[in-house]
Each structure stands twice: as structure tokens, then as C-alpha cells.
């Protein structure tokens, strides 16, 4: 059994962009897990409608 694993998980989230408004997008999280317990998020990114990969820091989460 490995002690440290890197896992990729994709979920659909509602994001808000000032130019586009609210959009539903697929966000991919890359997380580090120690003994199967998620420890930290290394990176998160999203894919645009045109297939470009963008960092999630440009969009703000809605409440």
C-alpha cells in the first residue's frame, strides 16, 4: 500500500465571471492523499467551451 497518492477528481460547479455571468463548468482538482485521507489541493483548473485550460483563480465562487 502506498503512503502518498495523487488523485484527480472532476466535478461540475457553478462559477461566476464578470463578463459571462454564472456558468456551469467542469472543475478538475488534483489532490494529495496520505493513507487515503485527502491532505491538500495541489492544483485546480477548468476547461472552457473552446477546449482551453484555465486556472480557477480567474472565476469567483458563487454563494
N, C-alpha and C. Protein backbone atom coordinates (compact mmCIF):
# COMPACT_ATOMS: atom_id res chain seq x y z
N UNK A 1 0.84 -1.18 0.00
CA UNK A 1 0.00 0.00 0.00
C UNK A 1 0.88 1.25 0.00
N UNK A 2 0.55 2.19 -0.86
CA UNK A 2 1.32 3.43 -0.95
C UNK A 2 0.88 4.39 0.16
N UNK A 3 1.82 5.12 0.69
CA UNK A 3 1.50 6.08 1.74
C UNK A 3 0.95 7.38 1.17
N UNK A 4 1.55 7.86 0.08
CA UNK A 4 1.14 9.12 -0.52
C UNK A 4 0.65 8.86 -1.94
N UNK A 5 -0.54 9.38 -2.26
CA UNK A 5 -1.10 9.24 -3.59
C UNK A 5 -1.54 10.60 -4.11
N UNK A 6 -1.50 10.74 -5.43
CA UNK A 6 -2.01 11.92 -6.09
C UNK A 6 -3.27 11.49 -6.85
N UNK A 7 -4.39 12.16 -6.58
CA UNK A 7 -5.66 11.77 -7.17
C UNK A 7 -6.28 12.97 -7.90
N UNK A 8 -6.87 12.71 -9.05
CA UNK A 8 -7.54 13.72 -9.85
C UNK A 8 -9.04 13.47 -9.82
N UNK A 9 -9.81 14.51 -9.53
CA UNK A 9 -11.26 14.39 -9.40
C UNK A 9 -11.92 15.53 -10.17
N UNK A 10 -12.91 15.22 -10.99
CA UNK A 10 -13.62 16.23 -11.77
C UNK A 10 -15.07 16.30 -11.31
N UNK A 11 -15.52 17.53 -10.99
CA UNK A 11 -16.90 17.76 -10.59
C UNK A 11 -17.44 18.97 -11.35
N UNK A 12 -18.76 19.11 -11.39
CA UNK A 12 -19.40 20.25 -12.04
C UNK A 12 -19.74 21.28 -10.97
N UNK A 13 -19.28 22.53 -11.20
CA UNK A 13 -19.51 23.60 -10.24
C UNK A 13 -20.13 24.80 -10.94
N UNK A 14 -20.83 25.62 -10.15
CA UNK A 14 -21.32 26.89 -10.64
C UNK A 14 -20.26 27.94 -10.33
N UNK A 15 -19.81 28.65 -11.36
CA UNK A 15 -18.81 29.70 -11.21
C UNK A 15 -19.38 31.00 -11.72
N UNK A 16 -18.82 32.11 -11.28
CA UNK A 16 -19.27 33.43 -11.71
C UNK A 16 -18.11 34.18 -12.33
N UNK A 17 -18.32 34.70 -13.52
CA UNK A 17 -17.35 35.53 -14.21
C UNK A 17 -18.04 36.85 -14.53
N UNK A 18 -17.35 37.97 -14.36
CA UNK A 18 -17.99 39.27 -14.55
C UNK A 18 -18.44 39.48 -15.99
N UNK A 19 -17.74 38.91 -16.96
CA UNK A 19 -18.11 39.10 -18.36
C UNK A 19 -19.20 38.13 -18.81
N UNK A 20 -19.22 36.91 -18.28
CA UNK A 20 -20.14 35.88 -18.76
C UNK A 20 -21.30 35.61 -17.81
N UNK A 21 -21.19 36.04 -16.56
CA UNK A 21 -22.23 35.75 -15.59
C UNK A 21 -22.01 34.37 -14.97
N UNK A 22 -23.09 33.71 -14.56
CA UNK A 22 -22.99 32.39 -13.93
C UNK A 22 -22.83 31.34 -15.02
N UNK A 23 -21.88 30.43 -14.82
CA UNK A 23 -21.70 29.34 -15.77
C UNK A 23 -21.43 28.05 -15.03
N UNK A 24 -21.95 26.96 -15.57
CA UNK A 24 -21.68 25.62 -15.04
C UNK A 24 -20.47 25.08 -15.78
N UNK A 25 -19.45 24.70 -15.05
CA UNK A 25 -18.22 24.24 -15.68
C UNK A 25 -17.66 23.04 -14.95
N UNK A 26 -16.89 22.24 -15.66
CA UNK A 26 -16.23 21.07 -15.07
C UNK A 26 -14.91 21.52 -14.48
N UNK A 27 -14.76 21.36 -13.18
CA UNK A 27 -13.54 21.76 -12.48
C UNK A 27 -12.81 20.50 -12.06
N UNK A 28 -11.52 20.43 -12.36
CA UNK A 28 -10.69 19.28 -12.02
C UNK A 28 -9.77 19.65 -10.86
N UNK A 29 -9.83 18.88 -9.80
CA UNK A 29 -8.98 19.07 -8.64
C UNK A 29 -7.90 18.00 -8.63
N UNK A 30 -6.67 18.40 -8.36
CA UNK A 30 -5.57 17.46 -8.17
C UNK A 30 -5.22 17.54 -6.69
N UNK A 31 -5.45 16.43 -5.97
CA UNK A 31 -5.26 16.42 -4.51
C UNK A 31 -4.23 15.39 -4.11
N UNK A 32 -3.56 15.68 -3.01
CA UNK A 32 -2.61 14.75 -2.42
C UNK A 32 -3.29 14.08 -1.25
N UNK A 33 -3.19 12.74 -1.17
CA UNK A 33 -3.82 11.97 -0.09
C UNK A 33 -2.74 11.18 0.64
N UNK A 34 -2.79 11.22 1.95
CA UNK A 34 -1.88 10.45 2.80
C UNK A 34 -2.70 9.37 3.49
N UNK A 35 -2.37 8.11 3.24
CA UNK A 35 -3.09 6.96 3.77
C UNK A 35 -4.57 6.98 3.41
N UNK A 36 -4.89 7.49 2.21
CA UNK A 36 -6.26 7.52 1.73
C UNK A 36 -7.08 8.71 2.19
N UNK A 37 -6.53 9.57 3.03
CA UNK A 37 -7.23 10.74 3.54
C UNK A 37 -6.73 11.96 2.76
N UNK A 38 -7.63 12.75 2.13
CA UNK A 38 -7.18 13.93 1.38
C UNK A 38 -6.45 14.90 2.29
N UNK A 39 -5.27 15.33 1.83
CA UNK A 39 -4.41 16.17 2.65
C UNK A 39 -4.39 17.61 2.17
N UNK A 40 -4.15 17.83 0.88
CA UNK A 40 -4.10 19.19 0.36
C UNK A 40 -4.43 19.19 -1.12
N UNK A 41 -4.87 20.36 -1.61
CA UNK A 41 -5.16 20.53 -3.03
C UNK A 41 -3.93 21.13 -3.68
N UNK A 42 -3.38 20.43 -4.66
CA UNK A 42 -2.19 20.91 -5.34
C UNK A 42 -2.53 21.91 -6.43
N UNK A 43 -3.59 21.63 -7.19
CA UNK A 43 -3.95 22.50 -8.32
C UNK A 43 -5.41 22.26 -8.68
N UNK A 44 -6.08 23.30 -9.18
CA UNK A 44 -7.42 23.13 -9.71
C UNK A 44 -7.53 23.96 -10.98
N UNK A 45 -8.16 23.37 -11.98
CA UNK A 45 -8.30 24.04 -13.26
C UNK A 45 -9.63 23.68 -13.90
N UNK A 46 -9.99 24.44 -14.92
CA UNK A 46 -11.25 24.20 -15.62
C UNK A 46 -11.00 24.26 -17.11
N UNK A 47 -11.88 23.59 -17.86
CA UNK A 47 -11.79 23.60 -19.31
C UNK A 47 -12.89 24.49 -19.87
N UNK A 48 -12.55 25.38 -20.79
CA UNK A 48 -13.54 26.29 -21.36
C UNK A 48 -14.34 25.60 -22.45
N UNK A 49 -15.32 26.31 -22.98
CA UNK A 49 -16.17 25.80 -24.04
C UNK A 49 -15.35 25.48 -25.29
N UNK A 50 -14.29 26.25 -25.51
CA UNK A 50 -13.45 26.09 -26.70
C UNK A 50 -12.31 25.10 -26.50
N UNK A 51 -12.22 24.48 -25.34
CA UNK A 51 -11.20 23.46 -25.09
C UNK A 51 -9.93 23.98 -24.46
N UNK A 52 -9.89 25.27 -24.10
CA UNK A 52 -8.71 25.82 -23.44
C UNK A 52 -8.73 25.47 -21.96
N UNK A 53 -7.54 25.29 -21.38
CA UNK A 53 -7.42 25.01 -19.95
C UNK A 53 -7.08 26.31 -19.23
N UNK A 54 -7.88 26.66 -18.21
CA UNK A 54 -7.66 27.90 -17.46
C UNK A 54 -7.60 27.60 -15.97
N UNK A 55 -6.87 28.42 -15.25
CA UNK A 55 -6.77 28.30 -13.80
C UNK A 55 -8.04 28.83 -13.18
N UNK A 56 -8.45 28.29 -12.06
CA UNK A 56 -9.72 28.67 -11.43
C UNK A 56 -9.63 29.99 -10.64
N UNK A 57 -8.48 30.58 -10.53
CA UNK A 57 -8.37 31.82 -9.77
C UNK A 57 -9.03 33.01 -10.48
N UNK A 58 -9.32 32.88 -11.79
CA UNK A 58 -9.96 33.96 -12.52
C UNK A 58 -11.46 34.03 -12.27
N UNK A 59 -12.07 32.94 -11.83
CA UNK A 59 -13.51 32.91 -11.54
C UNK A 59 -13.74 32.91 -10.04
N UNK A 60 -14.82 33.53 -9.62
CA UNK A 60 -15.16 33.62 -8.21
C UNK A 60 -16.32 32.67 -7.94
N UNK A 61 -16.25 31.91 -6.84
CA UNK A 61 -17.35 31.01 -6.48
C UNK A 61 -18.57 31.81 -6.07
N UNK A 62 -19.74 31.34 -6.46
CA UNK A 62 -20.98 31.99 -6.06
C UNK A 62 -21.47 31.37 -4.76
N UNK A 63 -22.28 32.11 -4.03
CA UNK A 63 -22.82 31.60 -2.78
C UNK A 63 -24.28 31.39 -2.89
